[in-house]
Every structure is written in C-alpha cells, then in structure tokens.
Amino acid sequence: MRIREHVIATNDMRLFGLHLLGQASLRMEQALWPEEYERMTREVEEALREADDPNAKSYTHEKSCRRCRNESTKHETSHVDRPCPNSLELG
C-alpha cells in the first residue's frame, strides 16, 4: 500500500508528518547540494539496474543493512564541514 493510501485509510497523521518532513528534506538537499544529489541519483539508478540483472549476486538482509549503514556513515562524514553554497558569510 502506498503511503498516501495508508494515511487516508488509517488517518495516521504522524506518518503523514514524517512523509512531509522526508519530502522537504529531500528537496532541500537537492537545492543545497545539486551535484551530490545527482551523484546519489545515478548511484541508485545503477544499483537498481544491477539488482534487476538476472545474474546479480544476492545478499542477505543483514549484509545489505550493514553495507547501507557503512555507506550512510561514509556519506555523512564526507560533507560535515562543507558549507552550504548559498550561505552568507558573517563576520
């Protein structure tokens, strides 16, 4: 069931709020770091193509989660000190 249908069926406003927050966060990241967003989009599309390959190597759920956490941590630490390109310098 899609998020919209679930929210309508259950009237779960917490889930609706999280969905809106996620969408806003995605749009903000897209606006602030367009190169990073494009790179991640390409990587996701490539991963989906590879996963659809009939000869694709399969992984356990646990192994996949561990890899995602590692990639996420690597991504989070790669641009921690990078300023927003649109920010004003004060001082």
N, C-alpha and C. Protein backbone atom coordinates (compact mmCIF):
# COMPACT_ATOMS: atom_id res chain seq x y z
N MET A 1 0.86 -1.18 0.00
CA MET A 1 0.00 0.00 0.00
C MET A 1 0.90 1.24 0.00
N ARG A 2 0.57 2.18 -0.79
CA ARG A 2 1.35 3.42 -0.85
C ARG A 2 1.09 4.26 0.40
N ILE A 3 2.02 5.16 0.69
CA ILE A 3 1.92 5.99 1.89
C ILE A 3 0.62 6.78 1.90
N ARG A 4 0.29 7.40 0.77
CA ARG A 4 -0.92 8.23 0.71
C ARG A 4 -2.16 7.42 1.07
N GLU A 5 -2.29 6.22 0.48
CA GLU A 5 -3.47 5.39 0.77
C GLU A 5 -3.50 4.95 2.23
N HIS A 6 -2.31 4.65 2.77
CA HIS A 6 -2.25 4.23 4.17
C HIS A 6 -2.68 5.37 5.10
N VAL A 7 -2.17 6.58 4.82
CA VAL A 7 -2.52 7.73 5.66
C VAL A 7 -4.02 7.99 5.60
N ILE A 8 -4.60 7.92 4.41
CA ILE A 8 -6.04 8.14 4.26
C ILE A 8 -6.82 7.04 4.98
N ALA A 9 -6.40 5.79 4.82
CA ALA A 9 -7.12 4.66 5.42
C ALA A 9 -7.04 4.67 6.94
N THR A 10 -5.89 5.06 7.48
CA THR A 10 -5.69 4.98 8.94
C THR A 10 -5.76 6.32 9.64
N ASN A 11 -5.74 7.41 8.87
CA ASN A 11 -5.70 8.76 9.43
C ASN A 11 -4.50 8.92 10.37
N ASP A 12 -3.38 8.30 10.00
CA ASP A 12 -2.16 8.34 10.81
C ASP A 12 -1.39 9.63 10.48
N MET A 13 -1.64 10.66 11.24
CA MET A 13 -1.04 11.95 10.96
C MET A 13 0.45 11.99 11.29
N ARG A 14 0.90 11.11 12.19
CA ARG A 14 2.34 11.05 12.47
C ARG A 14 3.09 10.60 11.23
N LEU A 15 2.57 9.57 10.59
CA LEU A 15 3.19 9.07 9.37
C LEU A 15 3.14 10.14 8.28
N PHE A 16 2.04 10.84 8.18
CA PHE A 16 1.90 11.90 7.20
C PHE A 16 2.94 12.99 7.45
N GLY A 17 3.11 13.37 8.72
CA GLY A 17 4.11 14.38 9.07
C GLY A 17 5.52 13.93 8.72
N LEU A 18 5.83 12.67 9.00
CA LEU A 18 7.15 12.14 8.65
C LEU A 18 7.36 12.12 7.14
N HIS A 19 6.31 11.79 6.42
CA HIS A 19 6.39 11.78 4.96
C HIS A 19 6.67 13.20 4.43
N LEU A 20 5.97 14.18 4.96
CA LEU A 20 6.19 15.57 4.53
C LEU A 20 7.60 16.04 4.88
N LEU A 21 8.06 15.69 6.08
CA LEU A 21 9.41 16.06 6.51
C LEU A 21 10.45 15.43 5.59
N GLY A 22 10.24 14.17 5.25
CA GLY A 22 11.17 13.49 4.34
C GLY A 22 11.21 14.15 2.97
N GLN A 23 10.05 14.51 2.45
CA GLN A 23 9.99 15.16 1.14
C GLN A 23 10.67 16.53 1.18
N ALA A 24 10.43 17.29 2.25
CA ALA A 24 11.06 18.61 2.39
C ALA A 24 12.57 18.47 2.51
N SER A 25 13.02 17.49 3.26
CA SER A 25 14.44 17.26 3.43
C SER A 25 15.09 16.90 2.11
N LEU A 26 14.43 16.06 1.34
CA LEU A 26 14.94 15.66 0.03
C LEU A 26 15.06 16.87 -0.89
N ARG A 27 14.04 17.70 -0.92
CA ARG A 27 14.06 18.89 -1.78
C ARG A 27 15.14 19.88 -1.33
N MET A 28 15.31 20.02 -0.02
CA MET A 28 16.32 20.94 0.50
C MET A 28 17.72 20.44 0.11
N GLU A 29 17.96 19.14 0.27
CA GLU A 29 19.25 18.58 -0.11
C GLU A 29 19.49 18.75 -1.60
N GLN A 30 18.45 18.57 -2.39
CA GLN A 30 18.56 18.72 -3.83
C GLN A 30 18.93 20.16 -4.19
N ALA A 31 18.39 21.13 -3.47
CA ALA A 31 18.67 22.54 -3.76
C ALA A 31 20.05 22.96 -3.26
N LEU A 32 20.45 22.47 -2.08
CA LEU A 32 21.72 22.90 -1.49
C LEU A 32 22.94 22.21 -2.11
N TRP A 33 22.80 20.95 -2.43
CA TRP A 33 23.93 20.18 -2.97
C TRP A 33 23.50 19.44 -4.23
N PRO A 34 23.25 20.16 -5.32
CA PRO A 34 22.74 19.51 -6.53
C PRO A 34 23.69 18.44 -7.10
N GLU A 35 25.01 18.67 -7.00
CA GLU A 35 25.96 17.69 -7.54
C GLU A 35 25.87 16.39 -6.75
N GLU A 36 25.80 16.49 -5.42
CA GLU A 36 25.69 15.30 -4.58
C GLU A 36 24.38 14.57 -4.86
N TYR A 37 23.32 15.32 -5.02
CA TYR A 37 22.01 14.72 -5.28
C TYR A 37 22.03 13.97 -6.61
N GLU A 38 22.61 14.59 -7.63
CA GLU A 38 22.70 13.94 -8.94
C GLU A 38 23.55 12.68 -8.87
N ARG A 39 24.67 12.75 -8.12
CA ARG A 39 25.54 11.58 -7.97
C ARG A 39 24.78 10.44 -7.29
N MET A 40 24.07 10.76 -6.20
CA MET A 40 23.33 9.72 -5.49
C MET A 40 22.22 9.14 -6.36
N THR A 41 21.56 10.00 -7.13
CA THR A 41 20.51 9.52 -8.03
C THR A 41 21.09 8.54 -9.05
N ARG A 42 22.24 8.89 -9.62
CA ARG A 42 22.89 7.99 -10.58
C ARG A 42 23.26 6.67 -9.92
N GLU A 43 23.80 6.73 -8.69
CA GLU A 43 24.20 5.52 -7.99
C GLU A 43 23.00 4.62 -7.69
N VAL A 44 21.89 5.23 -7.30
CA VAL A 44 20.68 4.45 -7.02
C VAL A 44 20.16 3.80 -8.30
N GLU A 45 20.12 4.57 -9.39
CA GLU A 45 19.65 4.02 -10.66
C GLU A 45 20.55 2.87 -11.12
N GLU A 46 21.86 3.04 -10.95
CA GLU A 46 22.80 1.98 -11.32
C GLU A 46 22.59 0.74 -10.46
N ALA A 47 22.40 0.95 -9.16
CA ALA A 47 22.17 -0.18 -8.25
C ALA A 47 20.88 -0.91 -8.61
N LEU A 48 19.85 -0.17 -8.98
CA LEU A 48 18.59 -0.81 -9.38
C LEU A 48 18.75 -1.62 -10.66
N ARG A 49 19.51 -1.08 -11.61
CA ARG A 49 19.77 -1.84 -12.85
C ARG A 49 20.54 -3.12 -12.54
N GLU A 50 21.55 -3.00 -11.66
CA GLU A 50 22.34 -4.18 -11.29
C GLU A 50 21.48 -5.21 -10.57
N ALA A 51 20.58 -4.74 -9.71
CA ALA A 51 19.72 -5.66 -8.96
C ALA A 51 18.75 -6.38 -9.88
N ASP A 52 18.35 -5.73 -10.96
CA ASP A 52 17.42 -6.35 -11.91
C ASP A 52 18.12 -7.34 -12.84
N ASP A 53 19.44 -7.32 -12.85
CA ASP A 53 20.20 -8.24 -13.69
C ASP A 53 19.97 -9.68 -13.22
N PRO A 54 19.59 -10.58 -14.13
CA PRO A 54 19.33 -11.96 -13.71
C PRO A 54 20.56 -12.66 -13.13
N ASN A 55 21.75 -12.18 -13.44
CA ASN A 55 22.98 -12.77 -12.91
C ASN A 55 23.49 -12.02 -11.68
N ALA A 56 22.67 -11.16 -11.10
CA ALA A 56 23.09 -10.35 -9.96
C ALA A 56 23.37 -11.24 -8.75
N LYS A 57 24.39 -10.85 -8.00
CA LYS A 57 24.73 -11.56 -6.77
C LYS A 57 23.72 -11.16 -5.70
N SER A 58 23.26 -12.12 -4.93
CA SER A 58 22.28 -11.78 -3.89
C SER A 58 22.96 -11.71 -2.53
N TYR A 59 22.42 -10.89 -1.66
CA TYR A 59 22.95 -10.68 -0.32
C TYR A 59 21.85 -10.93 0.70
N THR A 60 22.27 -11.27 1.91
CA THR A 60 21.29 -11.42 2.98
C THR A 60 20.83 -10.03 3.40
N HIS A 61 19.69 -9.97 4.04
CA HIS A 61 19.16 -8.70 4.53
C HIS A 61 20.16 -8.05 5.49
N GLU A 62 20.73 -8.86 6.37
CA GLU A 62 21.68 -8.35 7.36
C GLU A 62 22.91 -7.73 6.68
N LYS A 63 23.43 -8.41 5.68
CA LYS A 63 24.60 -7.92 4.96
C LYS A 63 24.26 -6.62 4.23
N SER A 64 23.08 -6.56 3.65
CA SER A 64 22.65 -5.35 2.94
C SER A 64 22.51 -4.18 3.89
N CYS A 65 21.91 -4.42 5.06
CA CYS A 65 21.74 -3.35 6.05
C CYS A 65 23.10 -2.84 6.54
N ARG A 66 24.02 -3.75 6.77
CA ARG A 66 25.36 -3.36 7.22
C ARG A 66 26.03 -2.49 6.17
N ARG A 67 25.92 -2.87 4.91
CA ARG A 67 26.53 -2.09 3.84
C ARG A 67 25.89 -0.71 3.74
N CYS A 68 24.55 -0.65 3.86
CA CYS A 68 23.86 0.64 3.82
C CYS A 68 24.31 1.55 4.95
N ARG A 69 24.43 0.98 6.15
CA ARG A 69 24.89 1.78 7.29
C ARG A 69 26.30 2.31 7.05
N ASN A 70 27.18 1.47 6.53
CA ASN A 70 28.55 1.90 6.24
C ASN A 70 28.57 3.01 5.21
N GLU A 71 27.81 2.85 4.14
CA GLU A 71 27.75 3.88 3.09
C GLU A 71 27.15 5.18 3.64
N SER A 72 26.12 5.05 4.46
CA SER A 72 25.47 6.22 5.04
C SER A 72 26.44 6.98 5.94
N THR A 73 27.16 6.24 6.78
CA THR A 73 28.13 6.86 7.68
C THR A 73 29.22 7.55 6.88
N LYS A 74 29.70 6.88 5.83
CA LYS A 74 30.74 7.46 4.99
C LYS A 74 30.23 8.75 4.34
N HIS A 75 28.99 8.74 3.87
CA HIS A 75 28.41 9.92 3.22
C HIS A 75 28.23 11.06 4.23
N GLU A 76 27.74 10.73 5.44
CA GLU A 76 27.50 11.76 6.45
C GLU A 76 28.79 12.46 6.84
N THR A 77 29.88 11.72 6.95
CA THR A 77 31.13 12.32 7.39
C THR A 77 31.88 13.00 6.24
N SER A 78 31.48 12.74 4.99
CA SER A 78 32.22 13.31 3.87
C SER A 78 31.93 14.79 3.65
N HIS A 79 30.79 15.30 4.11
CA HIS A 79 30.50 16.72 3.87
C HIS A 79 30.04 17.44 5.14
N VAL A 80 30.54 16.98 6.30
CA VAL A 80 30.15 17.60 7.56
C VAL A 80 30.62 19.05 7.64
N ASP A 81 31.86 19.30 7.23
CA ASP A 81 32.42 20.64 7.36
C ASP A 81 32.23 21.49 6.11
N ARG A 82 31.54 20.96 5.13
CA ARG A 82 31.34 21.70 3.89
C ARG A 82 30.20 22.70 4.08
N PRO A 83 30.45 23.98 3.80
CA PRO A 83 29.39 24.99 3.97
C PRO A 83 28.35 24.89 2.86
N CYS A 84 27.19 25.39 3.16
CA CYS A 84 26.14 25.47 2.15
C CYS A 84 26.58 26.49 1.10
N PRO A 85 26.41 26.20 -0.17
CA PRO A 85 26.87 27.14 -1.20
C PRO A 85 26.10 28.46 -1.19
N ASN A 86 24.90 28.47 -0.66
CA ASN A 86 24.09 29.69 -0.67
C ASN A 86 24.16 30.46 0.64
N SER A 87 24.98 29.98 1.58
CA SER A 87 25.02 30.64 2.89
C SER A 87 25.81 31.94 2.81
N LEU A 88 25.43 32.88 3.63
CA LEU A 88 26.12 34.16 3.69
C LEU A 88 27.23 34.06 4.71
N GLU A 89 28.36 34.66 4.41
CA GLU A 89 29.44 34.66 5.38
C GLU A 89 29.24 35.85 6.30
N LEU A 90 29.23 35.55 7.59
CA LEU A 90 29.06 36.60 8.59
C LEU A 90 30.41 36.89 9.21
N GLY A 91 30.64 38.11 9.56
CA GLY A 91 31.88 38.38 10.26
C GLY A 91 32.60 39.45 9.67
